[in-house]
Amino acid sequence: MKKIFVISIIISLILFTAIIKNSTKRIDDQIFTIKENIRGFKKDFENIKLEYDYLSSAERLNEFQVMYFEDEFIKKDIKNIKIIDEIMNNFKIKKFKFTDE
């Protein structure tokens, strides 16, 4: 009777260990996949940020104005920007929400 009890405990511990090992392996794979996705997003973000900083600098905008638009630019207050939504041929004008508000 003791041998059967000891053997059953050992087998249950082995099964329990295998289940835990498989679940941690699955979690490790998910963590690896998420880290790889984050790495790709960081690379894209850095490229987009570099492009944004380069194209939206005041000097570059002035250069583009002189090169392509001459005197067509008019300075506007940023708080007057509105969003127009069209839903089923109905237009709604909403205030633009800035990220730092």
PDB file of N, CA and C in Angstrom:
ATOM      1  N   MET A   1       0.816  -1.190   0.000  1.00  0.00           N
ATOM      2  CA  MET A   1       0.000   0.000   0.000  1.00  0.00           C
ATOM      3  C   MET A   1       0.866   1.262   0.000  1.00  0.00           C
ATOM      4  N   LYS A   2       1.955   1.254   0.796  1.00  0.00           N
ATOM      5  CA  LYS A   2       2.858   2.396   0.846  1.00  0.00           C
ATOM      6  C   LYS A   2       3.524   2.638  -0.502  1.00  0.00           C
ATOM      7  N   LYS A   3       3.904   1.529  -1.171  1.00  0.00           N
ATOM      8  CA  LYS A   3       4.583   1.675  -2.462  1.00  0.00           C
ATOM      9  C   LYS A   3       3.652   2.327  -3.492  1.00  0.00           C
ATOM     10  N   ILE A   4       2.418   1.920  -3.512  1.00  0.00           N
ATOM     11  CA  ILE A   4       1.460   2.478  -4.467  1.00  0.00           C
ATOM     12  C   ILE A   4       1.240   3.964  -4.178  1.00  0.00           C
ATOM     13  N   PHE A   5       1.143   4.327  -2.926  1.00  0.00           N
ATOM     14  CA  PHE A   5       0.960   5.723  -2.534  1.00  0.00           C
ATOM     15  C   PHE A   5       2.168   6.564  -2.949  1.00  0.00           C
ATOM     16  N   VAL A   6       3.367   6.072  -2.699  1.00  0.00           N
ATOM     17  CA  VAL A   6       4.595   6.797  -3.051  1.00  0.00           C
ATOM     18  C   VAL A   6       4.709   6.927  -4.566  1.00  0.00           C
ATOM     19  N   ILE A   7       4.410   5.853  -5.288  1.00  0.00           N
ATOM     20  CA  ILE A   7       4.484   5.878  -6.750  1.00  0.00           C
ATOM     21  C   ILE A   7       3.453   6.851  -7.318  1.00  0.00           C
ATOM     22  N   SER A   8       2.263   6.865  -6.770  1.00  0.00           N
ATOM     23  CA  SER A   8       1.233   7.780  -7.263  1.00  0.00           C
ATOM     24  C   SER A   8       1.611   9.244  -6.981  1.00  0.00           C
ATOM     25  N   ILE A   9       2.211   9.498  -5.837  1.00  0.00           N
ATOM     26  CA  ILE A   9       2.679  10.849  -5.536  1.00  0.00           C
ATOM     27  C   ILE A   9       3.780  11.267  -6.511  1.00  0.00           C
ATOM     28  N   ILE A  10       4.709  10.378  -6.784  1.00  0.00           N
ATOM     29  CA  ILE A  10       5.804  10.688  -7.713  1.00  0.00           C
ATOM     30  C   ILE A  10       5.254  10.948  -9.112  1.00  0.00           C
ATOM     31  N   ILE A  11       4.334  10.117  -9.574  1.00  0.00           N
ATOM     32  CA  ILE A  11       3.752  10.300 -10.902  1.00  0.00           C
ATOM     33  C   ILE A  11       2.963  11.615 -10.964  1.00  0.00           C
ATOM     34  N   SER A  12       2.195  11.914  -9.915  1.00  0.00           N
ATOM     35  CA  SER A  12       1.438  13.164  -9.917  1.00  0.00           C
ATOM     36  C   SER A  12       2.381  14.374  -9.900  1.00  0.00           C
ATOM     37  N   LEU A  13       3.486  14.306  -9.175  1.00  0.00           N
ATOM     38  CA  LEU A  13       4.461  15.398  -9.177  1.00  0.00           C
ATOM     39  C   LEU A  13       5.105  15.566 -10.553  1.00  0.00           C
ATOM     40  N   ILE A  14       5.391  14.464 -11.215  1.00  0.00           N
ATOM     41  CA  ILE A  14       5.968  14.522 -12.565  1.00  0.00           C
ATOM     42  C   ILE A  14       4.973  15.170 -13.528  1.00  0.00           C
ATOM     43  N   LEU A  15       3.711  14.766 -13.460  1.00  0.00           N
ATOM     44  CA  LEU A  15       2.689  15.354 -14.325  1.00  0.00           C
ATOM     45  C   LEU A  15       2.499  16.836 -14.017  1.00  0.00           C
ATOM     46  N   PHE A  16       2.457  17.172 -12.762  1.00  0.00           N
ATOM     47  CA  PHE A  16       2.297  18.564 -12.348  1.00  0.00           C
ATOM     48  C   PHE A  16       3.467  19.413 -12.853  1.00  0.00           C
ATOM     49  N   THR A  17       4.681  18.870 -12.744  1.00  0.00           N
ATOM     50  CA  THR A  17       5.877  19.567 -13.237  1.00  0.00           C
ATOM     51  C   THR A  17       5.812  19.748 -14.748  1.00  0.00           C
ATOM     52  N   ALA A  18       5.372  18.718 -15.469  1.00  0.00           N
ATOM     53  CA  ALA A  18       5.263  18.816 -16.930  1.00  0.00           C
ATOM     54  C   ALA A  18       4.241  19.874 -17.330  1.00  0.00           C
ATOM     55  N   ILE A  19       3.121  19.936 -16.624  1.00  0.00           N
ATOM     56  CA  ILE A  19       2.088  20.933 -16.935  1.00  0.00           C
ATOM     57  C   ILE A  19       2.621  22.340 -16.695  1.00  0.00           C
ATOM     58  N   ILE A  20       3.287  22.543 -15.588  1.00  0.00           N
ATOM     59  CA  ILE A  20       3.856  23.859 -15.277  1.00  0.00           C
ATOM     60  C   ILE A  20       4.921  24.237 -16.303  1.00  0.00           C
ATOM     61  N   LYS A  21       5.762  23.273 -16.678  1.00  0.00           N
ATOM     62  CA  LYS A  21       6.816  23.552 -17.645  1.00  0.00           C
ATOM     63  C   LYS A  21       6.225  23.943 -19.004  1.00  0.00           C
ATOM     64  N   ASN A  22       5.181  23.240 -19.436  1.00  0.00           N
ATOM     65  CA  ASN A  22       4.546  23.574 -20.714  1.00  0.00           C
ATOM     66  C   ASN A  22       3.886  24.952 -20.673  1.00  0.00           C
ATOM     67  N   SER A  23       3.235  25.271 -19.569  1.00  0.00           N
ATOM     68  CA  SER A  23       2.583  26.581 -19.485  1.00  0.00           C
ATOM     69  C   SER A  23       3.618  27.705 -19.437  1.00  0.00           C
ATOM     70  N   THR A  24       4.718  27.526 -18.733  1.00  0.00           N
ATOM     71  CA  THR A  24       5.756  28.566 -18.712  1.00  0.00           C
ATOM     72  C   THR A  24       6.419  28.703 -20.083  1.00  0.00           C
ATOM     73  N   LYS A  25       6.561  27.595 -20.806  1.00  0.00           N
ATOM     74  CA  LYS A  25       7.128  27.648 -22.161  1.00  0.00           C
ATOM     75  C   LYS A  25       6.201  28.452 -23.070  1.00  0.00           C
ATOM     76  N   ARG A  26       4.886  28.237 -22.957  1.00  0.00           N
ATOM     77  CA  ARG A  26       3.918  28.977 -23.744  1.00  0.00           C
ATOM     78  C   ARG A  26       3.975  30.476 -23.412  1.00  0.00           C
ATOM     79  N   ILE A  27       4.080  30.788 -22.134  1.00  0.00           N
ATOM     80  CA  ILE A  27       4.165  32.190 -21.710  1.00  0.00           C
ATOM     81  C   ILE A  27       5.463  32.819 -22.215  1.00  0.00           C
ATOM     82  N   ASP A  28       6.568  32.085 -22.159  1.00  0.00           N
ATOM     83  CA  ASP A  28       7.847  32.591 -22.681  1.00  0.00           C
ATOM     84  C   ASP A  28       7.745  32.878 -24.181  1.00  0.00           C
ATOM     85  N   ASP A  29       7.064  32.005 -24.921  1.00  0.00           N
ATOM     86  CA  ASP A  29       6.886  32.228 -26.355  1.00  0.00           C
ATOM     87  C   ASP A  29       6.055  33.480 -26.609  1.00  0.00           C
ATOM     88  N   GLN A  30       5.013  33.686 -25.819  1.00  0.00           N
ATOM     89  CA  GLN A  30       4.192  34.885 -25.971  1.00  0.00           C
ATOM     90  C   GLN A  30       4.994  36.141 -25.647  1.00  0.00           C
ATOM     91  N   ILE A  31       5.797  36.087 -24.593  1.00  0.00           N
ATOM     92  CA  ILE A  31       6.637  37.232 -24.216  1.00  0.00           C
ATOM     93  C   ILE A  31       7.627  37.547 -25.332  1.00  0.00           C
ATOM     94  N   PHE A  32       8.230  36.516 -25.914  1.00  0.00           N
ATOM     95  CA  PHE A  32       9.184  36.710 -27.002  1.00  0.00           C
ATOM     96  C   PHE A  32       8.502  37.359 -28.201  1.00  0.00           C
ATOM     97  N   THR A  33       7.314  36.871 -28.553  1.00  0.00           N
ATOM     98  CA  THR A  33       6.579  37.434 -29.682  1.00  0.00           C
ATOM     99  C   THR A  33       6.235  38.893 -29.432  1.00  0.00           C
ATOM    100  N   ILE A  34       5.775  39.211 -28.242  1.00  0.00           N
ATOM    101  CA  ILE A  34       5.424  40.595 -27.911  1.00  0.00           C
ATOM    102  C   ILE A  34       6.660  41.491 -27.952  1.00  0.00           C
ATOM    103  N   LYS A  35       7.782  41.004 -27.428  1.00  0.00           N
ATOM    104  CA  LYS A  35       9.014  41.801 -27.465  1.00  0.00           C
ATOM    105  C   LYS A  35       9.463  42.055 -28.893  1.00  0.00           C
ATOM    106  N   GLU A  36       9.321  41.058 -29.772  1.00  0.00           N
ATOM    107  CA  GLU A  36       9.684  41.242 -31.176  1.00  0.00           C
ATOM    108  C   GLU A  36       8.776  42.272 -31.833  1.00  0.00           C
ATOM    109  N   ASN A  37       7.488  42.224 -31.522  1.00  0.00           N
ATOM    110  CA  ASN A  37       6.556  43.218 -32.067  1.00  0.00           C
ATOM    111  C   ASN A  37       6.916  44.611 -31.572  1.00  0.00           C
ATOM    112  N   ILE A  38       7.237  44.727 -30.297  1.00  0.00           N
ATOM    113  CA  ILE A  38       7.615  46.028 -29.722  1.00  0.00           C
ATOM    114  C   ILE A  38       8.885  46.542 -30.389  1.00  0.00           C
ATOM    115  N   ARG A  39       9.837  45.652 -30.640  1.00  0.00           N
ATOM    116  CA  ARG A  39      11.084  46.064 -31.287  1.00  0.00           C
ATOM    117  C   ARG A  39      10.790  46.640 -32.675  1.00  0.00           C
ATOM    118  N   GLY A  40       9.912  45.978 -33.429  1.00  0.00           N
ATOM    119  CA  GLY A  40       9.535  46.482 -34.751  1.00  0.00           C
ATOM    120  C   GLY A  40       8.823  47.815 -34.663  1.00  0.00           C
ATOM    121  N   PHE A  41       7.927  47.949 -33.684  1.00  0.00           N
ATOM    122  CA  PHE A  41       7.206  49.206 -33.508  1.00  0.00           C
ATOM    123  C   PHE A  41       8.150  50.329 -33.100  1.00  0.00           C
ATOM    124  N   LYS A  42       9.134  50.018 -32.255  1.00  0.00           N
ATOM    125  CA  LYS A  42      10.109  51.041 -31.858  1.00  0.00           C
ATOM    126  C   LYS A  42      10.899  51.537 -33.066  1.00  0.00           C
ATOM    127  N   LYS A  43      11.289  50.599 -33.931  1.00  0.00           N
ATOM    128  CA  LYS A  43      12.048  50.965 -35.121  1.00  0.00           C
ATOM    129  C   LYS A  43      11.197  51.849 -36.033  1.00  0.00           C
ATOM    130  N   ASP A  44       9.938  51.464 -36.245  1.00  0.00           N
ATOM    131  CA  ASP A  44       9.031  52.275 -37.058  1.00  0.00           C
ATOM    132  C   ASP A  44       8.815  53.644 -36.419  1.00  0.00           C
ATOM    133  N   PHE A  45       8.636  53.666 -35.100  1.00  0.00           N
ATOM    134  CA  PHE A  45       8.423  54.929 -34.393  1.00  0.00           C
ATOM    135  C   PHE A  45       9.619  55.855 -34.553  1.00  0.00           C
ATOM    136  N   GLU A  46      10.819  55.315 -34.411  1.00  0.00           N
ATOM    137  CA  GLU A  46      12.013  56.145 -34.553  1.00  0.00           C
ATOM    138  C   GLU A  46      12.110  56.732 -35.958  1.00  0.00           C
ATOM    139  N   ASN A  47      11.810  55.906 -36.974  1.00  0.00           N
ATOM    140  CA  ASN A  47      11.861  56.405 -38.351  1.00  0.00           C
ATOM    141  C   ASN A  47      10.801  57.471 -38.595  1.00  0.00           C
ATOM    142  N   ILE A  48       9.599  57.248 -38.101  1.00  0.00           N
ATOM    143  CA  ILE A  48       8.522  58.210 -38.299  1.00  0.00           C
ATOM    144  C   ILE A  48       8.815  59.503 -37.530  1.00  0.00           C
ATOM    145  N   LYS A  49       9.363  59.361 -36.316  1.00  0.00           N
ATOM    146  CA  LYS A  49       9.690  60.550 -35.519  1.00  0.00           C
ATOM    147  C   LYS A  49      10.789  61.367 -36.204  1.00  0.00           C
ATOM    148  N   LEU A  50      11.782  60.680 -36.742  1.00  0.00           N
ATOM    149  CA  LEU A  50      12.844  61.386 -37.468  1.00  0.00           C
ATOM    150  C   LEU A  50      12.273  62.122 -38.675  1.00  0.00           C
ATOM    151  N   GLU A  51      11.407  61.445 -39.408  1.00  0.00           N
ATOM    152  CA  GLU A  51      10.786  62.070 -40.569  1.00  0.00           C
ATOM    153  C   GLU A  51       9.927  63.268 -40.159  1.00  0.00           C
ATOM    154  N   TYR A  52       9.160  63.097 -39.093  1.00  0.00           N
ATOM    155  CA  TYR A  52       8.303  64.185 -38.604  1.00  0.00           C
ATOM    156  C   TYR A  52       9.150  65.375 -38.156  1.00  0.00           C
ATOM    157  N   ASP A  53      10.193  65.108 -37.370  1.00  0.00           N
ATOM    158  CA  ASP A  53      11.045  66.198 -36.884  1.00  0.00           C
ATOM    159  C   ASP A  53      11.719  66.923 -38.039  1.00  0.00           C
ATOM    160  N   TYR A  54      12.134  66.159 -39.039  1.00  0.00           N
ATOM    161  CA  TYR A  54      12.822  66.769 -40.175  1.00  0.00           C
ATOM    162  C   TYR A  54      11.854  67.599 -41.009  1.00  0.00           C
ATOM    163  N   LEU A  55      10.682  67.034 -41.304  1.00  0.00           N
ATOM    164  CA  LEU A  55       9.751  67.720 -42.204  1.00  0.00           C
ATOM    165  C   LEU A  55       8.988  68.838 -41.523  1.00  0.00           C
ATOM    166  N   SER A  56       8.796  68.747 -40.208  1.00  0.00           N
ATOM    167  CA  SER A  56       7.964  69.753 -39.559  1.00  0.00           C
ATOM    168  C   SER A  56       8.762  70.824 -38.832  1.00  0.00           C
ATOM    169  N   SER A  57      10.059  70.830 -38.988  1.00  0.00           N
ATOM    170  CA  SER A  57      10.821  71.900 -38.354  1.00  0.00           C
ATOM    171  C   SER A  57      10.484  73.219 -39.045  1.00  0.00           C
ATOM    172  N   ALA A  58      10.578  74.288 -38.296  1.00  0.00           N
ATOM    173  CA  ALA A  58      10.209  75.604 -38.832  1.00  0.00           C
ATOM    174  C   ALA A  58      11.041  75.969 -40.057  1.00  0.00           C
ATOM    175  N   GLU A  59      12.302  75.637 -40.036  1.00  0.00           N
ATOM    176  CA  GLU A  59      13.167  75.967 -41.170  1.00  0.00           C
ATOM    177  C   GLU A  59      12.736  75.223 -42.422  1.00  0.00           C
ATOM    178  N   ARG A  60      12.413  73.912 -42.252  1.00  0.00           N
ATOM    179  CA  ARG A  60      11.999  73.113 -43.398  1.00  0.00           C
ATOM    180  C   ARG A  60      10.669  73.610 -43.947  1.00  0.00           C
ATOM    181  N   LEU A  61       9.746  73.966 -43.071  1.00  0.00           N
ATOM    182  CA  LEU A  61       8.457  74.470 -43.540  1.00  0.00           C
ATOM    183  C   LEU A  61       8.620  75.769 -44.304  1.00  0.00           C
ATOM    184  N   ASN A  62       9.510  76.616 -43.813  1.00  0.00           N
ATOM    185  CA  ASN A  62       9.770  77.862 -44.540  1.00  0.00           C
ATOM    186  C   ASN A  62      10.406  77.594 -45.897  1.00  0.00           C
ATOM    187  N   GLU A  63      11.309  76.624 -45.954  1.00  0.00           N
ATOM    188  CA  GLU A  63      11.916  76.250 -47.236  1.00  0.00           C
ATOM    189  C   GLU A  63      10.862  75.734 -48.203  1.00  0.00           C
ATOM    190  N   PHE A  64       9.966  74.864 -47.718  1.00  0.00           N
ATOM    191  CA  PHE A  64       8.908  74.336 -48.573  1.00  0.00           C
ATOM    192  C   PHE A  64       7.968  75.441 -49.046  1.00  0.00           C
ATOM    193  N   GLN A  65       7.690  76.387 -48.155  1.00  0.00           N
ATOM    194  CA  GLN A  65       6.820  77.497 -48.538  1.00  0.00           C
ATOM    195  C   GLN A  65       7.443  78.282 -49.685  1.00  0.00           C
ATOM    196  N   VAL A  66       8.723  78.588 -49.553  1.00  0.00           N
ATOM    197  CA  VAL A  66       9.407  79.360 -50.598  1.00  0.00           C
ATOM    198  C   VAL A  66       9.493  78.554 -51.891  1.00  0.00           C
ATOM    199  N   MET A  67       9.785  77.255 -51.777  1.00  0.00           N
ATOM    200  CA  MET A  67       9.971  76.417 -52.957  1.00  0.00           C
ATOM    201  C   MET A  67       8.662  76.168 -53.709  1.00  0.00           C
ATOM    202  N   TYR A  68       7.596  75.883 -52.991  1.00  0.00           N
ATOM    203  CA  TYR A  68       6.386  75.397 -53.657  1.00  0.00           C
ATOM    204  C   TYR A  68       5.182  76.327 -53.584  1.00  0.00           C
ATOM    205  N   PHE A  69       5.043  77.124 -52.542  1.00  0.00           N
ATOM    206  CA  PHE A  69       3.801  77.836 -52.334  1.00  0.00           C
ATOM    207  C   PHE A  69       3.916  79.348 -52.407  1.00  0.00           C
ATOM    208  N   GLU A  70       5.068  79.865 -52.370  1.00  0.00           N
ATOM    209  CA  GLU A  70       5.315  81.302 -52.349  1.00  0.00           C
ATOM    210  C   GLU A  70       4.568  81.959 -51.195  1.00  0.00           C
ATOM    211  N   ASP A  71       3.511  82.750 -51.450  1.00  0.00           N
ATOM    212  CA  ASP A  71       2.844  83.472 -50.362  1.00  0.00           C
ATOM    213  C   ASP A  71       1.462  82.901 -50.041  1.00  0.00           C
ATOM    214  N   GLU A  72       1.241  81.636 -50.259  1.00  0.00           N
ATOM    215  CA  GLU A  72      -0.083  81.060 -50.061  1.00  0.00           C
ATOM    216  C   GLU A  72      -0.366  80.656 -48.616  1.00  0.00           C
ATOM    217  N   PHE A  73       0.621  80.632 -47.754  1.00  0.00           N
ATOM    218  CA  PHE A  73       0.395  80.215 -46.374  1.00  0.00           C
ATOM    219  C   PHE A  73      -0.131  81.375 -45.541  1.00  0.00           C
ATOM    220  N   ILE A  74      -1.093  81.055 -44.688  1.00  0.00           N
ATOM    221  CA  ILE A  74      -1.650  82.034 -43.763  1.00  0.00           C
ATOM    222  C   ILE A  74      -1.530  81.450 -42.368  1.00  0.00           C
ATOM    223  N   LYS A  75      -1.041  82.233 -41.453  1.00  0.00           N
ATOM    224  CA  LYS A  75      -0.878  81.759 -40.083  1.00  0.00           C
ATOM    225  C   LYS A  75      -2.237  81.682 -39.393  1.00  0.00           C
ATOM    226  N   LYS A  76      -2.515  80.537 -38.752  1.00  0.00           N
ATOM    227  CA  LYS A  76      -3.779  80.317 -38.047  1.00  0.00           C
ATOM    228  C   LYS A  76      -3.491  79.953 -36.598  1.00  0.00           C
ATOM    229  N   ASP A  77      -4.444  80.263 -35.739  1.00  0.00           N
ATOM    230  CA  ASP A  77      -4.342  79.861 -34.339  1.00  0.00           C
ATOM    231  C   ASP A  77      -4.672  78.375 -34.230  1.00  0.00           C
ATOM    232  N   ILE A  78      -3.844  77.630 -33.546  1.00  0.00           N
ATOM    233  CA  ILE A  78      -4.012  76.188 -33.458  1.00  0.00           C
ATOM    234  C   ILE A  78      -5.289  75.791 -32.721  1.00  0.00           C
ATOM    235  N   LYS A  79      -5.792  76.654 -31.884  1.00  0.00           N
ATOM    236  CA  LYS A  79      -7.008  76.336 -31.131  1.00  0.00           C
ATOM    237  C   LYS A  79      -8.269  76.470 -31.979  1.00  0.00           C
ATOM    238  N   ASN A  80      -8.143  77.017 -33.168  1.00  0.00           N
ATOM    239  CA  ASN A  80      -9.290  77.155 -34.058  1.00  0.00           C
ATOM    240  C   ASN A  80      -9.462  75.958 -34.995  1.00  0.00           C
ATOM    241  N   ILE A  81      -8.657  74.934 -34.829  1.00  0.00           N
ATOM    242  CA  ILE A  81      -8.754  73.748 -35.677  1.00  0.00           C
ATOM    243  C   ILE A  81      -9.989  72.949 -35.266  1.00  0.00           C
ATOM    244  N   LYS A  82     -10.776  72.557 -36.266  1.00  0.00           N
ATOM    245  CA  LYS A  82     -11.989  71.777 -36.024  1.00  0.00           C
ATOM    246  C   LYS A  82     -11.937  70.500 -36.854  1.00  0.00           C
ATOM    247  N   ILE A  83     -12.735  69.525 -36.454  1.00  0.00           N
ATOM    248  CA  ILE A  83     -12.847  68.265 -37.189  1.00  0.00           C
ATOM    249  C   ILE A  83     -14.252  68.187 -37.759  1.00  0.00           C
ATOM    250  N   ILE A  84     -14.355  67.838 -39.036  1.00  0.00           N
ATOM    251  CA  ILE A  84     -15.659  67.679 -39.671  1.00  0.00           C
ATOM    252  C   ILE A  84     -15.873  66.181 -39.900  1.00  0.00           C
ATOM    253  N   ASP A  85     -16.940  65.645 -39.295  1.00  0.00           N
ATOM    254  CA  ASP A  85     -17.305  64.237 -39.475  1.00  0.00           C
ATOM    255  C   ASP A  85     -18.536  64.156 -40.348  1.00  0.00           C
ATOM    256  N   GLU A  86     -18.506  63.230 -41.304  1.00  0.00           N
ATOM    257  CA  GLU A  86     -19.680  62.987 -42.132  1.00  0.00           C
ATOM    258  C   GLU A  86     -20.231  61.619 -41.779  1.00  0.00           C
ATOM    259  N   ILE A  87     -21.449  61.602 -41.265  1.00  0.00           N
ATOM    260  CA  ILE A  87     -22.119  60.351 -40.933  1.00  0.00           C
ATOM    261  C   ILE A  87     -23.464  60.371 -41.648  1.00  0.00           C
ATOM    262  N   MET A  88     -23.608  59.497 -42.650  1.00  0.00           N
ATOM    263  CA  MET A  88     -24.847  59.404 -43.430  1.00  0.00           C
ATOM    264  C   MET A  88     -25.287  60.771 -43.956  1.00  0.00           C
ATOM    265  N   ASN A  89     -24.386  61.446 -44.624  1.00  0.00           N
ATOM    266  CA  ASN A  89     -24.628  62.756 -45.233  1.00  0.00           C
ATOM    267  C   ASN A  89     -24.979  63.850 -44.223  1.00  0.00           C
ATOM    268  N   ASN A  90     -24.733  63.616 -42.958  1.00  0.00           N
ATOM    269  CA  ASN A  90     -24.868  64.642 -41.929  1.00  0.00           C
ATOM    270  C   ASN A  90     -23.474  65.050 -41.492  1.00  0.00           C
ATOM    271  N   PHE A  91     -23.242  66.324 -41.447  1.00  0.00           N
ATOM    272  CA  PHE A  91     -21.929  66.818 -41.067  1.00  0.00           C
ATOM    273  C   PHE A  91     -21.973  67.333 -39.637  1.00  0.00           C
ATOM    274  N   LYS A  92     -20.968  66.919 -38.861  1.00  0.00           N
ATOM    275  CA  LYS A  92     -20.833  67.402 -37.489  1.00  0.00           C
ATOM    276  C   LYS A  92     -19.462  68.041 -37.345  1.00  0.00           C
ATOM    277  N   ILE A  93     -19.432  69.178 -36.714  1.00  0.00           N
ATOM    278  CA  ILE A  93     -18.170  69.874 -36.481  1.00  0.00           C
ATOM    279  C   ILE A  93     -17.829  69.721 -35.007  1.00  0.00           C
ATOM    280  N   LYS A  94     -16.648  69.123 -34.766  1.00  0.00           N
ATOM    281  CA  LYS A  94     -16.184  68.911 -33.392  1.00  0.00           C
ATOM    282  C   LYS A  94     -14.878  69.653 -33.197  1.00  0.00           C
ATOM    283  N   LYS A  95     -14.616  69.978 -31.966  1.00  0.00           N
ATOM    284  CA  LYS A  95     -13.356  70.632 -31.599  1.00  0.00           C
ATOM    285  C   LYS A  95     -12.247  69.575 -31.619  1.00  0.00           C
ATOM    286  N   PHE A  96     -11.097  69.951 -32.128  1.00  0.00           N
ATOM    287  CA  PHE A  96      -9.958  69.038 -32.159  1.00  0.00           C
ATOM    288  C   PHE A  96      -9.375  68.892 -30.773  1.00  0.00           C
ATOM    289  N   LYS A  97      -9.135  67.639 -30.348  1.00  0.00           N
ATOM    290  CA  LYS A  97      -8.558  67.392 -29.031  1.00  0.00           C
ATOM    291  C   LYS A  97      -7.059  67.168 -29.184  1.00  0.00           C
ATOM    292  N   PHE A  98      -6.320  67.960 -28.463  1.00  0.00           N
ATOM    293  CA  PHE A  98      -4.871  67.816 -28.488  1.00  0.00           C
ATOM    294  C   PHE A  98      -4.449  66.760 -27.478  1.00  0.00           C
ATOM    295  N   THR A  99      -3.315  66.128 -27.704  1.00  0.00           N
ATOM    296  CA  THR A  99      -2.876  65.031 -26.840  1.00  0.00           C
ATOM    297  C   THR A  99      -2.468  65.500 -25.459  1.00  0.00           C
ATOM    298  N   ASP A 100      -2.058  66.725 -25.315  1.00  0.00           N
ATOM    299  CA  ASP A 100      -1.594  67.194 -24.003  1.00  0.00           C
ATOM    300  C   ASP A 100      -2.703  67.809 -23.163  1.00  0.00           C
ATOM    301  N   GLU A 101      -3.950  67.774 -23.630  1.00  0.00           N
ATOM    302  CA  GLU A 101      -5.060  68.335 -22.850  1.00  0.00           C
ATOM    303  C   GLU A 101      -5.593  67.319 -21.877  1.00  0.00           C
TER     304      GLU A 101
END
